[in-house]
Protein backbone atom coordinates (compact mmCIF):
# COMPACT_ATOMS: atom_id res chain seq x y z
CA MET A 1 -18.74 1.69 -14.04
CA ASN A 2 -20.27 5.38 -12.94
CA VAL A 3 -22.62 6.30 -15.99
CA ASN A 4 -24.53 9.27 -16.27
CA ILE A 5 -28.08 8.43 -15.15
CA GLN A 6 -29.56 9.83 -18.24
CA PHE A 7 -27.46 7.68 -20.58
CA LYS A 8 -28.76 4.48 -18.52
CA LYS A 9 -32.56 5.74 -18.81
CA GLY A 10 -32.04 6.13 -22.33
CA VAL A 11 -30.90 3.11 -23.16
CA LEU A 12 -32.43 0.60 -19.98
CA GLU A 13 -35.80 -0.07 -22.70
CA LEU A 14 -33.26 -1.44 -25.14
CA CYS A 15 -31.16 -3.65 -22.87
CA VAL A 16 -34.37 -5.18 -21.15
CA LEU A 17 -35.69 -6.24 -24.02
CA VAL A 18 -32.81 -7.55 -25.82
CA LEU A 19 -32.72 -9.83 -22.81
CA ILE A 20 -35.71 -10.56 -22.68
CA GLY A 21 -35.40 -11.52 -26.11
CA ARG A 22 -32.62 -13.96 -25.53
CA ARG A 23 -35.05 -16.30 -23.06
CA ASP A 24 -37.86 -15.04 -20.97
CA ARG A 25 -36.72 -13.85 -17.27
CA TYR A 26 -38.32 -12.59 -14.14
CA GLY A 27 -38.08 -9.50 -12.80
CA TYR A 28 -34.98 -9.90 -9.86
CA GLU A 29 -33.36 -11.85 -12.97
CA LEU A 30 -33.58 -8.98 -15.30
CA ALA A 31 -32.25 -7.05 -12.91
CA GLN A 32 -29.08 -8.41 -11.89
CA ALA A 33 -28.40 -9.42 -16.18
CA VAL A 34 -28.70 -5.21 -16.63
CA SER A 35 -26.09 -4.77 -12.99
CA ARG A 36 -23.60 -6.62 -14.97
CA HIS A 37 -23.50 -4.23 -17.38
CA ILE A 38 -25.38 -0.86 -16.00
CA GLU A 39 -25.42 0.05 -12.50
CA VAL A 40 -29.75 0.06 -11.95
CA ALA A 41 -32.05 0.05 -9.21
CA GLU A 42 -34.13 -3.06 -8.96
CA GLY A 43 -36.97 -0.78 -8.56
CA ALA A 44 -37.01 1.26 -11.91
CA LEU A 45 -37.72 -1.87 -14.02
CA TYR A 46 -40.75 -2.84 -12.68
CA PRO A 47 -42.36 0.43 -13.90
CA LEU A 48 -40.86 0.01 -17.41
CA LEU A 49 -41.45 -3.67 -17.51
CA ARG A 50 -45.39 -2.98 -16.52
CA ARG A 51 -45.23 -0.42 -19.75
CA LEU A 52 -43.87 -3.09 -22.10
CA VAL A 53 -46.69 -5.17 -21.56
CA SER A 54 -49.41 -2.15 -21.15
CA GLU A 55 -48.19 -1.54 -24.94
CA GLY A 56 -47.58 -5.00 -26.47
CA TYR A 57 -43.75 -5.37 -26.71
CA CYS A 58 -44.02 -8.42 -23.71
CA THR A 59 -46.38 -10.97 -22.28
CA THR A 60 -46.18 -12.58 -18.76
CA TYR A 61 -46.83 -15.93 -17.33
CA LEU A 62 -46.01 -17.23 -14.11
CA GLN A 63 -43.77 -20.33 -13.29
CA GLU A 64 -44.00 -22.56 -10.00
CA SER A 65 -40.14 -21.69 -7.95
CA THR A 66 -38.61 -24.02 -6.04
CA GLU A 67 -36.96 -21.19 -4.00
CA GLY A 68 -40.21 -19.52 -2.83
CA PRO A 69 -43.62 -18.18 -4.79
CA PRO A 70 -44.32 -18.31 -8.31
CA ARG A 71 -42.68 -16.22 -10.48
CA LYS A 72 -43.67 -13.49 -13.16
CA TYR A 73 -41.71 -14.09 -16.33
CA TYR A 74 -41.69 -11.75 -19.29
CA ARG A 75 -41.70 -13.03 -22.90
CA LEU A 76 -41.07 -10.74 -26.00
CA THR A 77 -43.73 -10.75 -28.36
CA ASP A 78 -43.64 -10.69 -32.15
CA THR A 79 -44.27 -6.95 -31.85
CA GLY A 80 -41.50 -6.66 -29.66
CA SER A 81 -39.13 -8.61 -31.25
CA HIS A 82 -39.30 -6.44 -34.15
CA TYR A 83 -39.82 -3.21 -31.77
CA THR A 84 -36.20 -4.75 -30.04
CA LYS A 85 -34.52 -5.04 -33.75
CA LYS A 86 -35.85 -1.15 -34.84
CA LEU A 87 -34.50 0.00 -31.44
CA THR A 88 -31.52 -1.83 -31.93
CA ARG A 89 -30.63 -0.32 -35.70
CA GLU A 90 -31.53 3.01 -34.47
CA TRP A 91 -28.65 2.93 -31.06
CA ASN A 92 -26.32 1.53 -33.62
CA ASP A 93 -27.16 4.83 -36.01
CA PHE A 94 -26.98 6.73 -32.53
CA VAL A 95 -23.74 5.47 -30.99
CA HIS A 96 -21.91 5.94 -34.84
CA HIS A 97 -22.90 9.04 -35.44
CA VAL A 98 -22.03 10.18 -31.66
CA ALA A 99 -18.69 8.33 -32.45
CA SER A 100 -18.05 10.36 -35.27
CA LEU A 101 -18.81 13.54 -33.49
CA LEU A 102 -16.45 12.71 -30.86
CA GLU A 103 -14.03 11.72 -33.31
CA GLU A 104 -14.35 14.63 -35.25
CA GLY A 105 -13.89 16.96 -31.87
CA ASN A 106 -10.78 15.14 -31.14
CA SER A 107 -8.82 15.90 -34.40
CA ASP A 108 -10.06 19.60 -33.69
CA GLU A 109 -7.06 19.89 -30.57
């Protein structure tokens, strides 16, 4: 799906938080999970993940891997869980209002 880059930037944080909230994940796994829904460069995730950790929304831990070096996993903190719920509510409100505006625009034609 070809999506405007600004749309992607705006929603990437929420997508990553939701995915980590479902279960702990490592960076490459997150990139694959997000890319199943929206195309995103793997390199775009790591600065976001560092910020989420520095802001206290996620923590990290290393776990041994059978396929190479240990992997850094990301886990949602309680603060991150509350923040994800808040962002989800805000996103749903935003989408609802934009959809309403678009519908009104279509009825004017």
